[in-house]
Each structure stands twice: as C-alpha cells, then as structure tokens.
Amino acid sequence: MTIDELYKAFNDIEFQATRLLKASSLDRDHLNRFNLRAEEIRQQLVSMRLQGNIHETMSELGMIDEDYLPKLSFGRKVWNILLFGQHKKRFQAKGQMRYFMSEVSKRKQLFAYAKGELNVD
C-alpha cells in the first residue's frame, strides 16, 4: 500500500466511523465493512513499524467482535425472569450498541493519531 492509498484509507475509515457513530441503529453490514477496512489499515501500520507506542497499540489491537453479547449478572437474570425476557432484550441491545460505539470511536481516534504522526514525518 502506497502512502497515497494509506491516506485515502485513513479518510475512508474516518468517514465510515463518523457514519457509524451518528447512526441511531446498528447496521451489521456497515460494521463488517468498517471492521475489515480497519484491520487492513492496522496491518499496514504494524508492517510500517511507526513510533513505539503507536506500534505497540496497533499490534495489540484486535478486530471488533461482531457477535458480542454483554454478560448478565445474577441480579439481571432474576430481573429478566420476572419481566419474562423483556429486560434481557433491552439490556443486550444497549450493551451491544455501547460496545460497538466505543470500539469504533477508539479506532477512529487511533487512526487519526497515526495519520497525524505520518504528517509530522
């Protein structure tokens, strides 16, 4: 991947992240495309061996778990039984949304920082 392609990839991932963060509901297909593109950029940045802390963070970063479901504590399980399963649906939907938004935001910030570091050099 050339530097120009990398800058285009940075702009693309920033646009996709902004679109995901502003959405009111989660589009699984769009999240999958974002996840694949972020992994492609991450692998490129790891192979470039940037500064120490960026390289360490990028090499430790994994893909977003698209099948993530938050764990239910004992109290929430009891509450779920009393509400005939309605609490679990709302809790898991909100937990998934919170997880996906935090992961997308983290990657957006990390790639913006890496792009800024490439601009300095």
N, C-alpha and C. Protein backbone atom coordinates (compact mmCIF):
# COMPACT_ATOMS: atom_id res chain seq x y z
N MET A 1 0.85 -1.17 0.00
CA MET A 1 0.00 0.00 0.00
C MET A 1 0.90 1.23 0.00
N THR A 2 0.67 2.13 -0.94
CA THR A 2 1.46 3.35 -1.01
C THR A 2 0.94 4.36 0.02
N ILE A 3 1.70 5.43 0.18
CA ILE A 3 1.31 6.47 1.14
C ILE A 3 0.00 7.13 0.71
N ASP A 4 -0.17 7.37 -0.59
CA ASP A 4 -1.43 7.96 -1.07
C ASP A 4 -2.62 7.04 -0.78
N GLU A 5 -2.45 5.75 -1.02
CA GLU A 5 -3.52 4.81 -0.71
C GLU A 5 -3.80 4.76 0.78
N LEU A 6 -2.74 4.88 1.59
CA LEU A 6 -2.91 4.88 3.04
C LEU A 6 -3.70 6.11 3.49
N TYR A 7 -3.41 7.28 2.93
CA TYR A 7 -4.16 8.49 3.28
C TYR A 7 -5.63 8.38 2.84
N LYS A 8 -5.85 7.78 1.67
CA LYS A 8 -7.23 7.55 1.23
C LYS A 8 -7.94 6.58 2.17
N ALA A 9 -7.21 5.57 2.63
CA ALA A 9 -7.79 4.61 3.57
C ALA A 9 -8.10 5.29 4.89
N PHE A 10 -7.22 6.20 5.36
CA PHE A 10 -7.49 6.96 6.58
C PHE A 10 -8.75 7.79 6.44
N ASN A 11 -8.90 8.47 5.31
CA ASN A 11 -10.10 9.29 5.09
C ASN A 11 -11.35 8.42 5.00
N ASP A 12 -11.22 7.26 4.35
CA ASP A 12 -12.34 6.34 4.23
C ASP A 12 -12.78 5.81 5.59
N ILE A 13 -11.82 5.40 6.41
CA ILE A 13 -12.16 4.84 7.71
C ILE A 13 -12.73 5.92 8.63
N GLU A 14 -12.25 7.14 8.50
CA GLU A 14 -12.80 8.23 9.30
C GLU A 14 -14.25 8.52 8.91
N PHE A 15 -14.52 8.50 7.61
CA PHE A 15 -15.88 8.71 7.14
C PHE A 15 -16.81 7.60 7.62
N GLN A 16 -16.36 6.35 7.50
CA GLN A 16 -17.17 5.22 7.94
C GLN A 16 -17.43 5.27 9.44
N ALA A 17 -16.41 5.62 10.21
CA ALA A 17 -16.56 5.70 11.66
C ALA A 17 -17.56 6.79 12.04
N THR A 18 -17.46 7.92 11.40
CA THR A 18 -18.40 9.02 11.68
C THR A 18 -19.82 8.60 11.34
N ARG A 19 -19.97 7.90 10.23
CA ARG A 19 -21.30 7.43 9.82
C ARG A 19 -21.86 6.44 10.85
N LEU A 20 -21.02 5.52 11.33
CA LEU A 20 -21.47 4.56 12.33
C LEU A 20 -21.82 5.23 13.66
N LEU A 21 -21.01 6.20 14.05
CA LEU A 21 -21.23 6.86 15.34
C LEU A 21 -22.49 7.73 15.33
N LYS A 22 -22.86 8.27 14.18
CA LYS A 22 -24.03 9.13 14.10
C LYS A 22 -25.32 8.35 13.87
N ALA A 23 -25.21 7.08 13.52
CA ALA A 23 -26.40 6.28 13.23
C ALA A 23 -27.17 6.00 14.52
N SER A 24 -28.49 5.99 14.40
CA SER A 24 -29.32 5.71 15.58
C SER A 24 -29.45 4.22 15.83
N SER A 25 -29.29 3.42 14.80
CA SER A 25 -29.33 1.96 14.96
C SER A 25 -28.09 1.36 14.29
N LEU A 26 -27.81 0.13 14.62
CA LEU A 26 -26.60 -0.52 14.15
C LEU A 26 -26.85 -1.26 12.85
N ASP A 27 -26.04 -0.97 11.84
CA ASP A 27 -26.10 -1.67 10.56
C ASP A 27 -24.96 -2.69 10.55
N ARG A 28 -25.29 -3.97 10.65
CA ARG A 28 -24.27 -5.03 10.75
C ARG A 28 -23.38 -5.10 9.51
N ASP A 29 -23.94 -4.88 8.36
CA ASP A 29 -23.16 -4.93 7.12
C ASP A 29 -22.12 -3.81 7.11
N HIS A 30 -22.54 -2.62 7.51
CA HIS A 30 -21.62 -1.48 7.54
C HIS A 30 -20.55 -1.69 8.60
N LEU A 31 -20.92 -2.25 9.74
CA LEU A 31 -19.95 -2.55 10.79
C LEU A 31 -18.93 -3.57 10.30
N ASN A 32 -19.37 -4.56 9.54
CA ASN A 32 -18.46 -5.56 8.99
C ASN A 32 -17.47 -4.93 8.02
N ARG A 33 -17.95 -4.05 7.15
CA ARG A 33 -17.05 -3.36 6.21
C ARG A 33 -16.04 -2.49 6.96
N PHE A 34 -16.51 -1.78 7.99
CA PHE A 34 -15.62 -0.95 8.81
C PHE A 34 -14.56 -1.82 9.49
N ASN A 35 -14.97 -2.94 10.02
CA ASN A 35 -14.07 -3.84 10.73
C ASN A 35 -12.99 -4.38 9.80
N LEU A 36 -13.37 -4.78 8.60
CA LEU A 36 -12.39 -5.31 7.64
C LEU A 36 -11.42 -4.23 7.18
N ARG A 37 -11.94 -3.04 6.92
CA ARG A 37 -11.08 -1.92 6.48
C ARG A 37 -10.13 -1.49 7.59
N ALA A 38 -10.62 -1.47 8.83
CA ALA A 38 -9.77 -1.10 9.96
C ALA A 38 -8.65 -2.13 10.16
N GLU A 39 -8.97 -3.40 9.98
CA GLU A 39 -7.96 -4.44 10.11
C GLU A 39 -6.90 -4.32 9.01
N GLU A 40 -7.33 -3.98 7.80
CA GLU A 40 -6.39 -3.80 6.69
C GLU A 40 -5.42 -2.64 6.99
N ILE A 41 -5.95 -1.53 7.48
CA ILE A 41 -5.11 -0.37 7.83
C ILE A 41 -4.19 -0.71 8.99
N ARG A 42 -4.73 -1.41 9.99
CA ARG A 42 -3.93 -1.79 11.15
C ARG A 42 -2.74 -2.64 10.74
N GLN A 43 -2.97 -3.62 9.88
CA GLN A 43 -1.88 -4.48 9.43
C GLN A 43 -0.83 -3.68 8.67
N GLN A 44 -1.26 -2.72 7.87
CA GLN A 44 -0.32 -1.88 7.14
C GLN A 44 0.52 -1.05 8.10
N LEU A 45 -0.12 -0.48 9.11
CA LEU A 45 0.62 0.35 10.08
C LEU A 45 1.57 -0.49 10.92
N VAL A 46 1.19 -1.70 11.25
CA VAL A 46 2.09 -2.59 12.00
C VAL A 46 3.31 -2.94 11.16
N SER A 47 3.09 -3.18 9.87
CA SER A 47 4.22 -3.52 9.00
C SER A 47 5.15 -2.32 8.77
N MET A 48 4.63 -1.09 8.94
CA MET A 48 5.46 0.10 8.76
C MET A 48 6.33 0.37 9.99
N ARG A 49 5.99 -0.22 11.14
CA ARG A 49 6.74 -0.04 12.39
C ARG A 49 6.94 1.43 12.72
N LEU A 50 5.84 2.10 13.02
CA LEU A 50 5.90 3.50 13.41
C LEU A 50 6.50 3.62 14.81
N GLN A 51 6.37 4.78 15.42
CA GLN A 51 6.93 5.01 16.76
C GLN A 51 6.47 3.93 17.72
N GLY A 52 7.21 3.75 18.81
CA GLY A 52 7.00 2.66 19.75
C GLY A 52 5.59 2.50 20.26
N ASN A 53 5.01 3.57 20.82
CA ASN A 53 3.68 3.42 21.43
C ASN A 53 2.59 3.17 20.39
N ILE A 54 2.70 3.75 19.21
CA ILE A 54 1.71 3.50 18.16
C ILE A 54 1.82 2.05 17.69
N HIS A 55 3.07 1.60 17.50
CA HIS A 55 3.27 0.22 17.03
C HIS A 55 2.75 -0.78 18.07
N GLU A 56 3.01 -0.55 19.34
CA GLU A 56 2.54 -1.45 20.38
C GLU A 56 1.01 -1.49 20.43
N THR A 57 0.40 -0.33 20.37
CA THR A 57 -1.06 -0.27 20.42
C THR A 57 -1.68 -0.94 19.21
N MET A 58 -1.13 -0.70 18.05
CA MET A 58 -1.66 -1.31 16.83
C MET A 58 -1.49 -2.82 16.82
N SER A 59 -0.34 -3.29 17.31
CA SER A 59 -0.12 -4.74 17.30
C SER A 59 -1.00 -5.45 18.32
N GLU A 60 -1.41 -4.78 19.42
CA GLU A 60 -2.28 -5.37 20.42
C GLU A 60 -3.76 -5.29 20.04
N LEU A 61 -4.10 -4.38 19.15
CA LEU A 61 -5.49 -4.15 18.77
C LEU A 61 -6.01 -5.31 17.93
N GLY A 62 -7.14 -5.85 18.31
CA GLY A 62 -7.76 -6.92 17.54
C GLY A 62 -8.95 -6.39 16.75
N MET A 63 -9.63 -7.31 16.11
CA MET A 63 -10.81 -6.93 15.36
C MET A 63 -11.99 -6.78 16.33
N ILE A 64 -13.00 -6.05 15.89
CA ILE A 64 -14.20 -5.88 16.69
C ILE A 64 -14.97 -7.20 16.68
N ASP A 65 -15.39 -7.65 17.85
CA ASP A 65 -16.18 -8.87 17.96
C ASP A 65 -17.61 -8.55 17.54
N GLU A 66 -17.98 -8.97 16.34
CA GLU A 66 -19.29 -8.63 15.80
C GLU A 66 -20.41 -9.44 16.42
N ASP A 67 -20.07 -10.50 17.15
CA ASP A 67 -21.07 -11.34 17.82
C ASP A 67 -21.11 -11.07 19.32
N TYR A 68 -20.65 -9.90 19.74
CA TYR A 68 -20.56 -9.56 21.16
C TYR A 68 -21.94 -9.51 21.81
N LEU A 69 -22.05 -10.15 22.97
CA LEU A 69 -23.24 -10.05 23.81
C LEU A 69 -22.78 -9.79 25.23
N PRO A 70 -23.32 -8.76 25.88
CA PRO A 70 -22.90 -8.48 27.26
C PRO A 70 -23.37 -9.59 28.21
N LYS A 71 -22.58 -9.82 29.24
CA LYS A 71 -22.91 -10.84 30.24
C LYS A 71 -23.99 -10.32 31.18
N LEU A 72 -24.86 -11.21 31.58
CA LEU A 72 -25.91 -10.87 32.53
C LEU A 72 -25.46 -11.28 33.93
N SER A 73 -25.53 -10.35 34.87
CA SER A 73 -25.22 -10.67 36.26
C SER A 73 -26.39 -11.43 36.86
N PHE A 74 -26.19 -11.95 38.07
CA PHE A 74 -27.25 -12.71 38.74
C PHE A 74 -28.51 -11.86 38.94
N GLY A 75 -28.32 -10.62 39.38
CA GLY A 75 -29.45 -9.73 39.59
C GLY A 75 -30.22 -9.46 38.30
N ARG A 76 -29.51 -9.27 37.23
CA ARG A 76 -30.16 -9.03 35.94
C ARG A 76 -30.89 -10.28 35.45
N LYS A 77 -30.34 -11.47 35.73
CA LYS A 77 -31.03 -12.70 35.35
C LYS A 77 -32.35 -12.85 36.09
N VAL A 78 -32.33 -12.52 37.38
CA VAL A 78 -33.56 -12.59 38.18
C VAL A 78 -34.57 -11.58 37.64
N TRP A 79 -34.11 -10.37 37.39
CA TRP A 79 -34.98 -9.31 36.84
C TRP A 79 -35.55 -9.74 35.49
N ASN A 80 -34.74 -10.41 34.68
CA ASN A 80 -35.16 -10.90 33.37
C ASN A 80 -36.27 -11.94 33.53
N ILE A 81 -36.14 -12.82 34.50
CA ILE A 81 -37.17 -13.84 34.73
C ILE A 81 -38.48 -13.18 35.14
N LEU A 82 -38.39 -12.19 36.02
CA LEU A 82 -39.59 -11.51 36.48
C LEU A 82 -40.29 -10.74 35.37
N LEU A 83 -39.52 -10.25 34.40
CA LEU A 83 -40.10 -9.46 33.30
C LEU A 83 -40.30 -10.30 32.03
N PHE A 84 -40.24 -11.64 32.17
CA PHE A 84 -40.48 -12.55 31.05
C PHE A 84 -39.58 -12.30 29.84
N GLY A 85 -38.33 -11.99 30.07
CA GLY A 85 -37.36 -11.86 28.99
C GLY A 85 -37.24 -10.49 28.37
N GLN A 86 -38.07 -9.56 28.74
CA GLN A 86 -38.02 -8.23 28.12
C GLN A 86 -36.78 -7.44 28.54
N HIS A 87 -36.34 -7.64 29.78
CA HIS A 87 -35.17 -6.90 30.27
C HIS A 87 -33.91 -7.32 29.52
N LYS A 88 -33.76 -8.59 29.24
CA LYS A 88 -32.57 -9.11 28.56
C LYS A 88 -32.45 -8.51 27.16
N LYS A 89 -33.54 -8.42 26.47
CA LYS A 89 -33.51 -7.87 25.11
C LYS A 89 -33.03 -6.43 25.11
N ARG A 90 -33.58 -5.62 25.99
CA ARG A 90 -33.18 -4.22 26.06
C ARG A 90 -31.74 -4.08 26.54
N PHE A 91 -31.38 -4.86 27.57
CA PHE A 91 -30.03 -4.79 28.13
C PHE A 91 -28.99 -5.19 27.09
N GLN A 92 -29.23 -6.27 26.36
CA GLN A 92 -28.26 -6.71 25.38
C GLN A 92 -28.17 -5.76 24.20
N ALA A 93 -29.28 -5.21 23.77
CA ALA A 93 -29.24 -4.26 22.67
C ALA A 93 -28.45 -3.01 23.04
N LYS A 94 -28.69 -2.49 24.23
CA LYS A 94 -27.96 -1.30 24.69
C LYS A 94 -26.49 -1.63 24.92
N GLY A 95 -26.21 -2.80 25.48
CA GLY A 95 -24.83 -3.21 25.73
C GLY A 95 -24.04 -3.39 24.45
N GLN A 96 -24.67 -3.99 23.45
CA GLN A 96 -24.03 -4.15 22.15
C GLN A 96 -23.74 -2.80 21.52
N MET A 97 -24.72 -1.92 21.54
CA MET A 97 -24.55 -0.60 20.94
C MET A 97 -23.42 0.16 21.64
N ARG A 98 -23.39 0.09 22.95
CA ARG A 98 -22.34 0.77 23.72
C ARG A 98 -20.96 0.19 23.37
N TYR A 99 -20.85 -1.13 23.28
CA TYR A 99 -19.58 -1.78 22.94
C TYR A 99 -19.12 -1.38 21.54
N PHE A 100 -20.01 -1.48 20.56
CA PHE A 100 -19.64 -1.17 19.18
C PHE A 100 -19.25 0.29 19.02
N MET A 101 -20.00 1.18 19.65
CA MET A 101 -19.68 2.60 19.53
C MET A 101 -18.34 2.94 20.19
N SER A 102 -18.04 2.32 21.32
CA SER A 102 -16.75 2.58 21.97
C SER A 102 -15.60 2.03 21.15
N GLU A 103 -15.78 0.87 20.54
CA GLU A 103 -14.72 0.28 19.71
C GLU A 103 -14.50 1.10 18.45
N VAL A 104 -15.56 1.54 17.81
CA VAL A 104 -15.44 2.36 16.60
C VAL A 104 -14.77 3.69 16.94
N SER A 105 -15.18 4.30 18.04
CA SER A 105 -14.60 5.57 18.46
C SER A 105 -13.11 5.42 18.78
N LYS A 106 -12.76 4.33 19.45
CA LYS A 106 -11.36 4.09 19.78
C LYS A 106 -10.51 3.95 18.52
N ARG A 107 -11.01 3.23 17.54
CA ARG A 107 -10.26 3.05 16.30
C ARG A 107 -10.17 4.35 15.51
N LYS A 108 -11.24 5.12 15.52
CA LYS A 108 -11.23 6.40 14.82
C LYS A 108 -10.16 7.32 15.41
N GLN A 109 -10.10 7.40 16.72
CA GLN A 109 -9.11 8.25 17.38
C GLN A 109 -7.69 7.73 17.14
N LEU A 110 -7.51 6.43 17.19
CA LEU A 110 -6.19 5.84 17.00
C LEU A 110 -5.69 6.07 15.58
N PHE A 111 -6.56 5.90 14.60
CA PHE A 111 -6.14 6.13 13.21
C PHE A 111 -5.91 7.61 12.93
N ALA A 112 -6.67 8.48 13.56
CA ALA A 112 -6.44 9.92 13.40
C ALA A 112 -5.07 10.29 13.98
N TYR A 113 -4.74 9.70 15.12
CA TYR A 113 -3.43 9.96 15.73
C TYR A 113 -2.30 9.44 14.84
N ALA A 114 -2.48 8.25 14.29
CA ALA A 114 -1.45 7.68 13.40
C ALA A 114 -1.31 8.53 12.13
N LYS A 115 -2.42 9.03 11.61
CA LYS A 115 -2.36 9.89 10.43
C LYS A 115 -1.61 11.18 10.76
N GLY A 116 -1.86 11.74 11.93
CA GLY A 116 -1.13 12.94 12.37
C GLY A 116 0.34 12.68 12.52
N GLU A 117 0.72 11.52 13.01
CA GLU A 117 2.13 11.17 13.16
C GLU A 117 2.79 11.00 11.79
N LEU A 118 2.06 10.50 10.82
CA LEU A 118 2.62 10.36 9.47
C LEU A 118 2.80 11.73 8.82
N ASN A 119 1.92 12.67 9.16
CA ASN A 119 2.04 14.03 8.61
C ASN A 119 3.28 14.73 9.14
N VAL A 120 3.65 14.46 10.38
CA VAL A 120 4.81 15.11 11.00
C VAL A 120 6.10 14.67 10.32
N ASP A 121 6.16 13.38 10.02
CA ASP A 121 7.38 12.84 9.40
C ASP A 121 7.46 13.24 8.01
